[in-house]
Amino acid sequence: MILLKKYIKMNQKLCPNCGNINILKDGTRKTTMGKKQKWLCKDCNKRFVLDPIKKIKGNVDTVALVIDLYFKGCSLRNIQDTLQQFCDLKIHHETVRRWISRYMEIINKYVENLKPKTRNEWQVDEQMVNIKGDYKWVWNCLDKNTRFLIASNLTEGRSLEEAKQIFQKAKNVTGKEENLEITTDKMLSYPHAIGQVFHKLNDWK
């Protein structure tokens, strides 16, 4: 959530017509994705609406809510149901999936140069996703306390070698390799992957 809002703040303050920062709020527009902020450029006098993330047609609050629910463990269909019940928004679960995929793509680039201050409690999970009819696996490693996304990876399956990739990425990002407590869904390849990547005894559950 915090990273998303930082990214939006960095990319939502320029006029798409002239590139100037001298813009003002100019009311809102109601869409099927919720209300969107309208802007007026004081230099070129153009009115426009900015998408929070390129190629995602949703307002800031809706996109942030979707990302937050996903990383709290909600399924795509549960997120779709929540948006309809509480926000009166009819957004298909495939649209939700595209939002999440796009978010992960841009946020991975954003955090490449960041050095996160994480604790030694991680949570690792994998989820099957449908990408244009091709089923793949998305792996995520999060700081258990802050929910900070330490590492993410996309693979064809759930083999030992593919499981090792997410731990190697997390190790490279944090520089940590001992005294870790790693929570998983107890898939059989996890303890072997942890042992081979870290080479030291870590708590696994």
Protein backbone atom coordinates (compact mmCIF):
# COMPACT_ATOMS: atom_id res chain seq x y z
CA MET A 1 0.00 0.00 0.00
CA ILE A 2 2.73 2.47 0.99
CA LEU A 3 4.85 1.67 -2.07
CA LEU A 4 1.83 1.96 -4.34
CA LYS A 5 0.92 5.40 -3.00
CA LYS A 6 4.54 6.57 -3.32
CA TYR A 7 4.64 5.40 -6.93
CA ILE A 8 1.33 7.11 -7.70
CA LYS A 9 2.48 10.33 -6.04
CA MET A 10 5.65 10.34 -8.15
CA ASN A 11 3.82 9.74 -11.43
CA GLN A 12 0.58 11.65 -11.02
CA LYS A 13 1.72 15.26 -10.81
CA LEU A 14 2.57 16.00 -14.44
CA CYS A 15 0.34 17.27 -17.24
CA PRO A 16 0.27 14.55 -19.97
CA ASN A 17 -0.03 17.28 -22.63
CA CYS A 18 2.84 19.65 -21.76
CA GLY A 19 4.62 17.81 -18.94
CA ASN A 20 4.30 20.74 -16.53
CA ILE A 21 3.74 20.31 -12.79
CA ASN A 22 1.51 23.39 -12.51
CA ILE A 23 -1.79 21.48 -12.24
CA LEU A 24 -4.89 21.87 -10.06
CA LYS A 25 -7.72 19.57 -9.00
CA ASP A 26 -10.81 20.17 -11.14
CA GLY A 27 -13.63 18.09 -9.67
CA THR A 28 -14.26 14.37 -10.14
CA ARG A 29 -15.68 12.09 -12.81
CA LYS A 30 -17.86 9.09 -11.98
CA THR A 31 -16.89 5.92 -13.87
CA THR A 32 -17.62 2.20 -13.63
CA MET A 33 -14.33 1.88 -11.73
CA GLY A 34 -15.33 4.52 -9.15
CA LYS A 35 -14.75 8.26 -8.96
CA LYS A 36 -11.67 9.68 -10.70
CA GLN A 37 -9.95 12.94 -9.95
CA LYS A 38 -9.99 15.47 -12.81
CA TRP A 39 -7.12 17.91 -13.26
CA LEU A 40 -6.57 21.27 -14.96
CA CYS A 41 -3.18 22.40 -16.27
CA LYS A 42 -2.68 26.13 -15.62
CA ASP A 43 -0.07 26.38 -18.38
CA CYS A 44 -1.76 24.74 -21.39
CA ASN A 45 -5.32 24.94 -19.99
CA LYS A 46 -5.96 21.24 -20.74
CA ARG A 47 -8.28 19.16 -18.56
CA PHE A 48 -7.46 15.49 -18.04
CA VAL A 49 -7.79 12.41 -15.85
CA LEU A 50 -4.70 10.54 -14.70
CA ASP A 51 -4.72 6.79 -14.22
CA PRO A 52 -2.96 5.79 -10.96
CA ILE A 53 -0.84 3.28 -12.86
CA LYS A 54 -0.38 3.17 -16.63
CA LYS A 55 -2.61 0.56 -18.29
CA ILE A 56 -4.80 0.33 -15.16
CA LYS A 57 -8.14 2.10 -15.48
CA GLY A 58 -9.09 2.44 -11.83
CA ASN A 59 -8.98 5.18 -9.24
CA VAL A 60 -6.27 5.33 -6.60
CA ASP A 61 -8.39 4.08 -3.70
CA THR A 62 -9.81 1.13 -5.66
CA VAL A 63 -6.42 -0.04 -6.92
CA ALA A 64 -4.87 0.36 -3.46
CA LEU A 65 -7.73 -1.64 -1.90
CA VAL A 66 -7.31 -4.46 -4.42
CA ILE A 67 -3.56 -4.71 -3.79
CA ASP A 68 -4.07 -4.60 -0.02
CA LEU A 69 -6.69 -7.37 -0.08
CA TYR A 70 -4.52 -9.55 -2.32
CA PHE A 71 -1.49 -9.36 -0.04
CA LYS A 72 -3.72 -10.10 2.95
CA GLY A 73 -4.51 -13.44 1.35
CA CYS A 74 -7.85 -12.82 -0.38
CA SER A 75 -8.54 -14.76 -3.57
CA LEU A 76 -9.28 -12.94 -6.83
CA ARG A 77 -12.96 -13.91 -6.68
CA ASN A 78 -13.23 -12.79 -3.04
CA ILE A 79 -11.74 -9.42 -4.01
CA GLN A 80 -14.28 -9.17 -6.85
CA ASP A 81 -17.08 -9.93 -4.38
CA THR A 82 -15.79 -7.36 -1.85
CA LEU A 83 -15.67 -4.61 -4.47
CA GLN A 84 -19.24 -5.35 -5.50
CA GLN A 85 -20.66 -5.58 -1.97
CA PHE A 86 -18.90 -2.66 -0.31
CA CYS A 87 -17.94 -0.36 -3.21
CA ASP A 88 -20.81 -1.11 -5.61
CA LEU A 89 -18.22 -1.78 -8.35
CA LYS A 90 -18.67 -4.62 -10.83
CA ILE A 91 -15.06 -5.49 -11.63
CA HIS A 92 -14.30 -8.95 -13.04
CA HIS A 93 -11.74 -11.09 -11.20
CA GLU A 94 -9.62 -11.23 -14.38
CA THR A 95 -9.41 -7.43 -14.27
CA VAL A 96 -8.27 -7.75 -10.65
CA ARG A 97 -5.60 -10.24 -11.75
CA ARG A 98 -4.35 -7.86 -14.46
CA TRP A 99 -4.15 -5.02 -11.93
CA ILE A 100 -2.08 -7.17 -9.57
CA SER A 101 0.22 -8.39 -12.37
CA ARG A 102 0.77 -4.83 -13.57
CA TYR A 103 1.40 -3.62 -10.02
CA MET A 104 3.95 -6.36 -9.37
CA GLU A 105 5.72 -5.53 -12.64
CA ILE A 106 6.19 -1.83 -11.88
CA ILE A 107 6.77 -2.17 -8.15
CA ASN A 108 9.55 -4.72 -8.71
CA LYS A 109 11.36 -2.12 -10.83
CA TYR A 110 10.70 0.55 -8.21
CA VAL A 111 12.17 -1.46 -5.31
CA GLU A 112 15.22 -2.78 -7.16
CA ASN A 113 17.43 -0.09 -5.65
CA LEU A 114 15.79 -0.05 -2.22
CA LYS A 115 17.41 -1.74 0.75
CA PRO A 116 14.51 -2.77 2.98
CA LYS A 117 14.84 -3.02 6.75
CA THR A 118 13.10 -6.33 7.33
CA ARG A 119 12.81 -8.55 10.35
CA ASN A 120 13.74 -12.21 10.41
CA GLU A 121 10.17 -13.48 10.05
CA TRP A 122 9.17 -14.19 6.46
CA GLN A 123 6.05 -15.60 4.86
CA VAL A 124 6.36 -17.39 1.52
CA ASP A 125 3.48 -18.56 -0.63
CA GLU A 126 2.77 -19.56 -4.21
CA GLN A 127 -0.39 -19.13 -6.30
CA MET A 128 -1.42 -20.37 -9.74
CA VAL A 129 -2.35 -17.64 -12.23
CA ASN A 130 -3.77 -17.75 -15.75
CA ILE A 131 -1.75 -15.60 -18.15
CA LYS A 132 -3.43 -15.52 -21.55
CA GLY A 133 -4.53 -19.14 -21.21
CA ASP A 134 -1.16 -20.32 -19.89
CA TYR A 135 -1.09 -21.40 -16.24
CA LYS A 136 1.96 -20.34 -14.24
CA TRP A 137 2.95 -19.93 -10.59
CA VAL A 138 3.55 -16.63 -8.80
CA TRP A 139 5.77 -16.87 -5.70
CA ASN A 140 5.85 -14.09 -3.10
CA CYS A 141 8.07 -13.63 -0.07
CA LEU A 142 6.82 -11.05 2.46
CA ASP A 143 8.05 -9.66 5.74
CA LYS A 144 5.55 -11.26 8.13
CA ASN A 145 5.22 -8.18 10.34
CA THR A 146 5.17 -5.28 7.86
CA ARG A 147 3.79 -7.21 4.82
CA PHE A 148 6.63 -5.70 2.78
CA LEU A 149 7.09 -7.61 -0.49
CA ILE A 150 10.69 -8.78 -0.26
CA ALA A 151 10.75 -10.78 -3.49
CA SER A 152 8.45 -12.09 -6.20
CA ASN A 153 8.98 -14.66 -8.95
CA LEU A 154 7.06 -16.25 -11.83
CA THR A 155 7.70 -19.90 -12.75
CA GLU A 156 6.27 -22.69 -14.89
CA GLY A 157 5.82 -25.10 -11.97
CA ARG A 158 6.58 -25.84 -8.31
CA SER A 159 9.73 -27.95 -8.51
CA LEU A 160 12.59 -27.79 -6.02
CA GLU A 161 14.68 -25.64 -8.37
CA GLU A 162 11.77 -23.24 -8.87
CA ALA A 163 11.14 -23.06 -5.11
CA LYS A 164 14.81 -22.19 -4.55
CA GLN A 165 14.52 -19.15 -6.82
CA ILE A 166 12.22 -17.19 -4.48
CA PHE A 167 14.50 -17.81 -1.49
CA GLN A 168 17.60 -16.84 -3.47
CA LYS A 169 15.92 -13.59 -4.52
CA ALA A 170 14.91 -12.82 -0.93
CA LYS A 171 18.43 -13.60 0.27
CA ASN A 172 19.94 -11.26 -2.34
CA VAL A 173 17.55 -8.43 -1.44
CA THR A 174 17.96 -8.59 2.34
CA GLY A 175 21.44 -10.06 2.71
CA LYS A 176 20.06 -12.34 5.42
CA GLU A 177 20.75 -16.05 5.61
CA GLU A 178 20.50 -17.14 9.24
CA ASN A 179 18.20 -16.91 12.28
CA LEU A 180 15.20 -16.76 9.96
CA GLU A 181 11.70 -17.94 10.78
CA ILE A 182 9.96 -18.80 7.50
CA THR A 183 6.24 -19.59 7.33
CA THR A 184 4.98 -21.52 4.28
CA ASP A 185 2.02 -23.68 3.26
CA LYS A 186 4.19 -26.76 4.01
CA MET A 187 4.72 -27.76 0.40
CA LEU A 188 7.29 -30.59 0.39
CA SER A 189 9.89 -28.72 -1.69
CA TYR A 190 10.11 -25.80 0.76
CA PRO A 191 12.35 -27.33 3.50
CA HIS A 192 14.78 -28.68 0.88
CA ALA A 193 14.86 -25.33 -0.93
CA ILE A 194 15.48 -23.46 2.34
CA GLY A 195 18.29 -25.83 3.29
CA GLN A 196 20.03 -25.58 -0.08
CA VAL A 197 19.80 -21.79 -0.40
CA PHE A 198 20.72 -20.78 3.14
CA HIS A 199 22.98 -23.71 4.12
CA LYS A 200 22.25 -22.94 7.76
CA LEU A 201 19.54 -24.04 10.15
CA ASN A 202 16.47 -21.81 10.01
CA ASP A 203 13.06 -22.28 11.59
CA TRP A 204 10.51 -23.50 9.06
CA LYS A 205 6.83 -24.05 9.64
